[in-house]
Protein backbone atom coordinates (compact mmCIF):
# COMPACT_ATOMS: atom_id res chain seq x y z
CA MET A 1 -238.38 198.52 -58.59
CA SER A 2 -239.17 197.92 -62.26
CA PRO A 3 -238.23 200.54 -64.87
CA SER A 4 -241.89 201.66 -65.18
CA GLU A 5 -242.10 202.13 -61.40
CA LYS A 6 -238.98 204.31 -61.46
CA THR A 7 -240.31 206.87 -63.94
CA ARG A 8 -242.94 209.51 -63.26
CA ARG A 9 -244.21 212.72 -64.72
CA LEU A 10 -243.12 215.58 -62.49
CA SER A 11 -246.81 216.39 -61.96
CA ALA A 12 -247.33 212.95 -60.32
CA MET A 13 -244.44 213.15 -57.86
CA ARG A 14 -245.11 213.81 -54.18
CA PRO A 15 -243.54 216.73 -52.33
CA GLY A 16 -240.08 215.71 -51.14
CA ALA A 17 -239.59 213.21 -53.98
CA SER A 18 -236.54 213.67 -56.17
CA GLY A 19 -234.95 212.25 -59.26
CA ARG A 20 -233.26 213.06 -62.55
CA VAL A 21 -234.91 214.42 -65.66
CA LEU A 22 -235.08 211.76 -68.37
CA ARG A 23 -236.73 213.93 -71.02
CA VAL A 24 -238.99 216.87 -71.67
CA MET A 25 -241.90 215.95 -73.91
CA ARG A 26 -241.99 218.06 -77.08
CA GLU A 27 -245.77 218.12 -77.64
CA ASN A 28 -245.46 221.88 -77.23
CA PRO A 29 -242.04 222.81 -78.69
CA ASP A 30 -242.08 226.39 -77.34
CA ARG A 31 -242.75 225.15 -73.81
CA ALA A 32 -240.07 222.46 -74.12
CA ASP A 33 -237.54 225.03 -75.34
CA ARG A 34 -238.42 227.37 -72.45
CA LEU A 35 -237.96 224.57 -69.89
CA MET A 36 -234.62 223.66 -71.42
CA ALA A 37 -233.54 227.32 -71.25
CA LEU A 38 -234.39 227.26 -67.52
CA GLY A 39 -232.13 224.24 -67.00
CA VAL A 40 -234.75 221.49 -67.07
CA THR A 41 -232.64 219.18 -69.23
CA PRO A 42 -231.93 215.45 -69.25
CA GLY A 43 -229.73 214.60 -66.26
CA ALA A 44 -230.80 217.60 -64.15
CA THR A 45 -231.71 216.80 -60.54
CA VAL A 46 -235.24 217.78 -59.49
CA THR A 47 -237.00 217.79 -56.11
CA VAL A 48 -240.72 218.54 -55.79
CA LEU A 49 -241.53 221.14 -53.13
CA GLN A 50 -245.31 221.47 -53.63
CA ARG A 51 -248.03 220.39 -56.05
CA PHE A 52 -250.86 222.82 -55.39
CA PRO A 53 -251.92 225.27 -56.73
CA GLY A 54 -248.95 224.95 -59.10
CA VAL A 55 -246.00 222.58 -59.11
CA VAL A 56 -242.98 224.11 -57.39
CA PHE A 57 -239.70 222.24 -57.70
CA LEU A 58 -235.97 222.64 -57.42
CA CYS A 59 -234.03 221.98 -60.59
CA ASP A 60 -230.43 221.66 -59.55
CA HIS A 61 -230.30 224.79 -57.34
CA THR A 62 -233.03 226.86 -59.00
CA GLU A 63 -236.60 226.97 -57.66
CA LEU A 64 -239.20 226.94 -60.44
CA ALA A 65 -243.00 227.12 -60.39
CA VAL A 66 -245.02 225.75 -63.30
CA GLU A 67 -248.61 224.90 -64.11
CA PRO A 68 -249.60 221.22 -63.76
CA ALA A 69 -249.85 220.89 -67.57
CA VAL A 70 -246.21 221.97 -67.88
CA ALA A 71 -245.13 219.58 -65.11
CA ARG A 72 -246.77 216.70 -67.03
CA ALA A 73 -244.29 217.31 -69.87
CA ILE A 74 -241.30 216.54 -67.61
CA VAL A 75 -240.44 212.83 -67.23
CA VAL A 76 -238.29 211.96 -64.22
CA GLU A 77 -236.41 208.83 -63.09
CA LEU A 78 -236.96 208.55 -59.35
CA GLU A 79 -233.99 208.20 -56.99
């Protein structure tokens, strides 16, 4: 798998897919800071649980639900 095939926005991952957070895009600094405060930081393990109507995922051992626009700001390296 090439490096580009191993990275995805959280919003594009299928339920059951997991990986590690590479970065949180800072296009919206307040949103990025809030995600970081919730533990969505580089190196954190994430697993997608559902994608509709919102994106629900585990981040380490915490279940979080976010809007698709927020999930697009999270870049993940697939496992």
